[in-house]
Amino acid sequence: MKNKVRVHAKILCKRGVFLNIQKCEICGNQFTWREVGRTTTAGFGYQPLICKKCGTKHEVTMMTRIIVALLVPIFLFILNSSNLLPFYIPFYVGFLIILVLFFAVMLSFPYFAKYKVVQKS
């Protein structure tokens, strides 16, 4: 029974169902959390990710950029919709929640970011 579960988990991981850090599409080198995290430049742009093993240049896909860009308005909506709740949330508590959510997204970015090859070396 345990072997079947492991096999199914491996299949789901290969299909990208679980959040995992992407590998180089050319050589299969596993990128580290730090390498992918550094490509975001603190959330103000995206730098290319270069594989240390083969030198292939990867860029963030447009879908990943859209997902990250949509999260900011969602956070602002959450902060603004606190007036609709049946209880009062002070502004500083809502702002603290937004900050925590922002940092959670930035820390988890390497796990859901997808890259595509733009230049083979």
Protein backbone atom coordinates (compact mmCIF):
# COMPACT_ATOMS: atom_id res chain seq x y z
CA MET A 1 0.00 0.00 0.00
CA LYS A 2 2.80 2.43 0.88
CA ASN A 3 4.52 1.83 -2.46
CA LYS A 4 1.33 2.71 -4.37
CA VAL A 5 1.02 5.98 -2.45
CA ARG A 6 4.64 6.85 -3.19
CA VAL A 7 4.20 6.09 -6.89
CA HIS A 8 1.08 8.26 -7.10
CA ALA A 9 2.83 11.09 -5.23
CA LYS A 10 5.78 10.94 -7.64
CA ILE A 11 3.41 11.09 -10.62
CA LEU A 12 1.61 14.12 -9.17
CA CYS A 13 4.94 15.87 -8.47
CA LYS A 14 6.10 15.29 -12.05
CA ARG A 15 2.87 16.79 -13.38
CA GLY A 16 3.38 19.89 -11.22
CA VAL A 17 0.37 19.36 -8.97
CA PHE A 18 2.45 19.93 -5.85
CA LEU A 19 4.28 23.18 -5.38
CA ASN A 20 7.93 22.61 -6.13
CA ILE A 21 10.86 24.68 -7.28
CA GLN A 22 11.40 24.35 -11.00
CA LYS A 23 14.37 22.61 -12.60
CA CYS A 24 16.39 23.72 -15.60
CA GLU A 25 14.56 22.63 -18.75
CA ILE A 26 17.82 21.77 -20.52
CA CYS A 27 20.02 19.94 -17.99
CA GLY A 28 17.54 19.18 -15.19
CA ASN A 29 19.54 21.06 -12.54
CA GLN A 30 17.37 21.86 -9.51
CA PHE A 31 17.22 25.60 -8.79
CA THR A 32 17.48 26.58 -5.15
CA TRP A 33 14.99 28.71 -3.23
CA ARG A 34 17.61 31.43 -2.92
CA GLU A 35 18.37 31.51 -6.67
CA VAL A 36 14.71 31.86 -7.60
CA GLY A 37 14.01 34.30 -4.77
CA ARG A 38 16.77 36.63 -5.91
CA THR A 39 15.21 36.96 -9.36
CA THR A 40 12.26 38.97 -7.99
CA THR A 41 14.36 41.97 -6.83
CA ALA A 42 12.15 42.56 -3.80
CA GLY A 43 8.94 42.44 -5.83
CA PHE A 44 9.77 45.37 -8.13
CA GLY A 45 10.75 43.46 -11.26
CA TYR A 46 12.01 40.16 -12.56
CA GLN A 47 15.58 39.28 -13.46
CA PRO A 48 16.44 36.27 -15.62
CA LEU A 49 17.39 33.05 -13.84
CA ILE A 50 20.61 31.55 -15.15
CA CYS A 51 21.36 27.88 -14.59
CA LYS A 52 24.68 27.39 -12.78
CA LYS A 53 25.29 24.06 -14.46
CA CYS A 54 24.67 24.77 -18.16
CA GLY A 55 24.30 28.57 -18.30
CA THR A 56 20.80 28.52 -19.81
CA LYS A 57 18.83 31.73 -19.31
CA HIS A 58 15.24 31.36 -18.01
CA GLU A 59 12.61 34.08 -17.62
CA VAL A 60 9.42 34.20 -15.58
CA THR A 61 6.35 33.20 -17.58
CA MET A 62 3.61 35.72 -18.22
CA MET A 63 1.11 33.63 -16.21
CA THR A 64 3.30 33.85 -13.10
CA ARG A 65 3.59 37.62 -13.55
CA ILE A 66 -0.19 37.92 -13.85
CA ILE A 67 -0.78 35.85 -10.72
CA VAL A 68 1.62 37.98 -8.67
CA ALA A 69 0.16 41.19 -10.11
CA LEU A 70 -3.39 40.13 -9.20
CA LEU A 71 -2.45 39.40 -5.60
CA VAL A 72 -1.83 43.09 -4.82
CA PRO A 73 -5.39 44.21 -5.71
CA ILE A 74 -6.74 41.22 -3.80
CA PHE A 75 -4.85 42.35 -0.70
CA LEU A 76 -6.19 45.88 -1.09
CA PHE A 77 -9.73 44.53 -1.51
CA ILE A 78 -9.36 42.50 1.69
CA LEU A 79 -8.19 45.59 3.55
CA ASN A 80 -11.04 47.68 2.15
CA SER A 81 -13.71 45.02 2.73
CA SER A 82 -13.00 44.88 6.45
CA ASN A 83 -15.81 47.46 6.75
CA LEU A 84 -18.27 44.79 5.58
CA LEU A 85 -17.51 42.43 8.46
CA PRO A 86 -19.93 42.27 11.41
CA PHE A 87 -17.10 43.24 13.77
CA TYR A 88 -14.66 46.11 13.71
CA ILE A 89 -11.06 45.60 12.55
CA PRO A 90 -8.79 48.55 13.25
CA PHE A 91 -6.78 49.86 10.32
CA TYR A 92 -3.44 48.86 11.81
CA VAL A 93 -4.62 45.25 12.25
CA GLY A 94 -5.79 45.12 8.63
CA PHE A 95 -2.51 46.64 7.51
CA LEU A 96 -0.60 44.05 9.55
CA ILE A 97 -2.63 41.27 7.91
CA ILE A 98 -1.81 42.68 4.47
CA LEU A 99 1.91 42.80 5.31
CA VAL A 100 1.88 39.21 6.53
CA LEU A 101 0.09 38.06 3.37
CA PHE A 102 2.50 40.03 1.17
CA PHE A 103 5.55 38.45 2.80
CA ALA A 104 3.93 35.01 2.66
CA VAL A 105 3.49 35.40 -1.10
CA MET A 106 7.05 36.67 -1.57
CA LEU A 107 8.49 33.82 0.51
CA SER A 108 6.45 31.23 -1.38
CA PHE A 109 7.17 32.76 -4.81
CA PRO A 110 9.95 30.24 -5.66
CA TYR A 111 7.46 27.39 -5.23
CA PHE A 112 4.81 28.60 -7.67
CA ALA A 113 6.98 30.61 -10.10
CA LYS A 114 7.35 29.03 -13.52
CA TYR A 115 10.19 29.83 -15.88
CA LYS A 116 10.73 29.33 -19.61
CA VAL A 117 13.97 29.06 -21.57
CA VAL A 118 14.86 32.19 -23.52
CA GLN A 119 18.50 31.57 -24.38
CA LYS A 120 20.48 28.35 -24.54
CA SER A 121 24.20 28.57 -24.00
